[in-house]
């Protein structure tokens, strides 16, 4: 797989998948770019280890 330094991502999918994806995104009023960025960021976050420097989240005070 070739990975260049530009910000472009190019991939080839089946025409029917492309059609269904664009239809679904249109119903959600999202562009493919918006959807991809949201999905990619979620995927990256789900695979990152938590930082030891992040503040602890506390529940309601008792």
N, C-alpha and C. Protein backbone atom coordinates (compact mmCIF):
# COMPACT_ATOMS: atom_id res chain seq x y z
N UNK A 1 0.84 -1.18 0.00
CA UNK A 1 0.00 0.00 0.00
C UNK A 1 0.89 1.24 0.00
N UNK A 2 0.60 2.13 -0.86
CA UNK A 2 1.35 3.38 -0.97
C UNK A 2 0.77 4.42 -0.03
N UNK A 3 1.63 5.06 0.76
CA UNK A 3 1.18 6.12 1.67
C UNK A 3 2.01 7.36 1.35
N UNK A 4 1.34 8.36 0.79
CA UNK A 4 2.03 9.59 0.45
C UNK A 4 1.96 10.60 1.57
N UNK A 5 2.53 11.77 1.35
CA UNK A 5 2.57 12.81 2.37
C UNK A 5 1.44 13.82 2.22
N UNK A 6 0.64 13.73 1.16
CA UNK A 6 -0.46 14.67 0.98
C UNK A 6 -1.61 14.31 1.91
N UNK A 7 -2.62 15.13 1.95
CA UNK A 7 -3.78 14.86 2.77
C UNK A 7 -4.84 14.03 2.07
N UNK A 8 -4.52 13.51 0.92
CA UNK A 8 -5.51 12.75 0.14
C UNK A 8 -5.52 11.29 0.54
N UNK A 9 -6.73 10.72 0.55
CA UNK A 9 -6.91 9.29 0.74
C UNK A 9 -7.75 8.81 -0.44
N UNK A 10 -7.23 7.85 -1.17
CA UNK A 10 -7.93 7.35 -2.35
C UNK A 10 -8.17 5.86 -2.17
N UNK A 11 -9.42 5.44 -2.34
CA UNK A 11 -9.71 4.02 -2.27
C UNK A 11 -10.80 3.67 -3.27
N UNK A 12 -10.83 2.41 -3.62
CA UNK A 12 -11.80 1.92 -4.60
C UNK A 12 -12.76 0.97 -3.90
N UNK A 13 -14.06 1.21 -4.08
CA UNK A 13 -15.09 0.35 -3.50
C UNK A 13 -16.08 -0.06 -4.58
N UNK A 14 -16.89 -1.04 -4.26
CA UNK A 14 -17.92 -1.48 -5.20
C UNK A 14 -18.90 -0.34 -5.44
N UNK A 15 -19.36 -0.16 -6.68
CA UNK A 15 -20.30 0.93 -6.99
C UNK A 15 -21.57 0.91 -6.13
N UNK A 16 -22.09 -0.28 -5.82
CA UNK A 16 -23.31 -0.36 -5.01
C UNK A 16 -23.06 0.14 -3.58
N UNK A 17 -21.91 -0.20 -3.01
CA UNK A 17 -21.57 0.29 -1.68
C UNK A 17 -21.45 1.81 -1.69
N UNK A 18 -20.79 2.35 -2.70
CA UNK A 18 -20.65 3.80 -2.82
C UNK A 18 -22.01 4.48 -2.89
N UNK A 19 -22.90 3.92 -3.70
CA UNK A 19 -24.25 4.48 -3.86
C UNK A 19 -25.01 4.47 -2.54
N UNK A 20 -24.95 3.34 -1.82
CA UNK A 20 -25.66 3.22 -0.55
C UNK A 20 -25.08 4.14 0.51
N UNK A 21 -23.75 4.29 0.53
CA UNK A 21 -23.11 5.16 1.49
C UNK A 21 -23.51 6.62 1.24
N UNK A 22 -23.44 7.07 0.01
CA UNK A 22 -23.81 8.45 -0.29
C UNK A 22 -25.28 8.70 0.01
N UNK A 23 -26.14 7.73 -0.24
CA UNK A 23 -27.56 7.88 0.07
C UNK A 23 -27.78 8.04 1.56
N UNK A 24 -27.12 7.21 2.34
CA UNK A 24 -27.25 7.28 3.80
C UNK A 24 -26.71 8.60 4.32
N UNK A 25 -25.58 9.03 3.81
CA UNK A 25 -24.99 10.30 4.26
C UNK A 25 -25.89 11.48 3.88
N UNK A 26 -26.53 11.41 2.74
CA UNK A 26 -27.44 12.48 2.33
C UNK A 26 -28.61 12.59 3.32
N UNK A 27 -29.12 11.46 3.78
CA UNK A 27 -30.20 11.47 4.76
C UNK A 27 -29.75 12.10 6.08
N UNK A 28 -28.47 11.95 6.40
CA UNK A 28 -27.91 12.52 7.62
C UNK A 28 -27.37 13.93 7.41
N UNK A 29 -27.48 14.41 6.19
CA UNK A 29 -26.98 15.74 5.82
C UNK A 29 -25.48 15.88 6.13
N UNK A 30 -24.72 14.82 5.81
CA UNK A 30 -23.27 14.82 6.01
C UNK A 30 -22.58 14.58 4.68
N UNK A 31 -21.37 15.11 4.58
CA UNK A 31 -20.55 14.81 3.41
C UNK A 31 -19.70 13.58 3.73
N UNK A 32 -19.17 12.97 2.70
CA UNK A 32 -18.28 11.83 2.89
C UNK A 32 -17.06 12.25 3.72
N UNK A 33 -16.55 13.43 3.46
CA UNK A 33 -15.39 13.92 4.21
C UNK A 33 -15.72 14.08 5.68
N UNK A 34 -16.86 14.69 6.02
CA UNK A 34 -17.27 14.86 7.41
C UNK A 34 -17.40 13.50 8.11
N UNK A 35 -18.09 12.57 7.44
CA UNK A 35 -18.29 11.24 8.00
C UNK A 35 -16.96 10.53 8.22
N UNK A 36 -16.08 10.61 7.25
CA UNK A 36 -14.80 9.94 7.35
C UNK A 36 -13.98 10.49 8.52
N UNK A 37 -13.92 11.81 8.64
CA UNK A 37 -13.13 12.41 9.71
C UNK A 37 -13.69 12.02 11.07
N UNK A 38 -15.01 12.08 11.25
CA UNK A 38 -15.62 11.67 12.51
C UNK A 38 -15.33 10.21 12.82
N UNK A 39 -15.52 9.35 11.83
CA UNK A 39 -15.32 7.92 12.01
C UNK A 39 -13.85 7.60 12.28
N UNK A 40 -12.96 8.23 11.54
CA UNK A 40 -11.53 8.00 11.72
C UNK A 40 -11.07 8.44 13.11
N UNK A 41 -11.52 9.62 13.56
CA UNK A 41 -11.15 10.10 14.89
C UNK A 41 -11.68 9.18 15.98
N UNK A 42 -12.92 8.72 15.85
CA UNK A 42 -13.48 7.77 16.83
C UNK A 42 -12.66 6.48 16.87
N UNK A 43 -12.30 5.99 15.71
CA UNK A 43 -11.52 4.75 15.63
C UNK A 43 -10.15 4.92 16.28
N UNK A 44 -9.51 6.04 16.01
CA UNK A 44 -8.18 6.31 16.59
C UNK A 44 -8.29 6.42 18.11
N UNK A 45 -9.29 7.20 18.59
CA UNK A 45 -9.47 7.36 20.04
C UNK A 45 -9.73 6.02 20.73
N UNK A 46 -10.48 5.14 20.08
CA UNK A 46 -10.81 3.85 20.71
C UNK A 46 -9.60 2.94 20.82
N UNK A 47 -8.52 3.25 20.11
CA UNK A 47 -7.32 2.42 20.16
C UNK A 47 -6.16 3.08 20.88
N UNK A 48 -6.38 4.25 21.45
CA UNK A 48 -5.32 4.93 22.18
C UNK A 48 -5.36 4.54 23.65
N UNK A 49 -4.21 4.46 24.24
CA UNK A 49 -4.14 4.22 25.67
C UNK A 49 -4.39 5.53 26.40
N UNK A 50 -5.09 5.47 27.53
CA UNK A 50 -5.35 6.71 28.26
C UNK A 50 -4.05 7.32 28.77
N UNK A 51 -4.02 8.63 28.80
CA UNK A 51 -2.85 9.36 29.30
C UNK A 51 -2.86 9.34 30.82
N UNK A 52 -1.68 9.19 31.40
CA UNK A 52 -1.60 9.23 32.86
C UNK A 52 -1.71 10.67 33.38
N UNK A 53 -1.70 11.64 32.48
CA UNK A 53 -1.74 13.04 32.87
C UNK A 53 -3.13 13.65 32.77
N UNK A 54 -4.12 12.89 32.28
CA UNK A 54 -5.48 13.43 32.18
C UNK A 54 -6.11 13.44 33.56
N UNK A 55 -6.90 14.48 33.88
CA UNK A 55 -7.54 14.54 35.20
C UNK A 55 -8.55 13.40 35.36
N UNK A 56 -8.70 12.94 36.60
CA UNK A 56 -9.68 11.90 36.88
C UNK A 56 -11.08 12.48 36.77
N UNK A 57 -12.00 11.69 36.21
CA UNK A 57 -13.39 12.11 36.13
C UNK A 57 -14.07 11.62 37.41
N UNK A 58 -14.66 12.54 38.13
CA UNK A 58 -15.30 12.20 39.39
C UNK A 58 -16.81 12.16 39.22
N UNK A 59 -17.43 11.28 39.98
CA UNK A 59 -18.87 11.18 39.98
C UNK A 59 -19.48 12.26 40.86
N UNK A 60 -20.78 12.21 41.11
CA UNK A 60 -21.44 13.19 41.95
C UNK A 60 -20.87 13.20 43.37
N UNK A 61 -20.78 14.36 43.95
CA UNK A 61 -20.25 14.50 45.31
C UNK A 61 -21.20 13.86 46.31
N UNK A 62 -20.66 13.15 47.29
CA UNK A 62 -21.49 12.52 48.32
C UNK A 62 -21.12 13.04 49.67
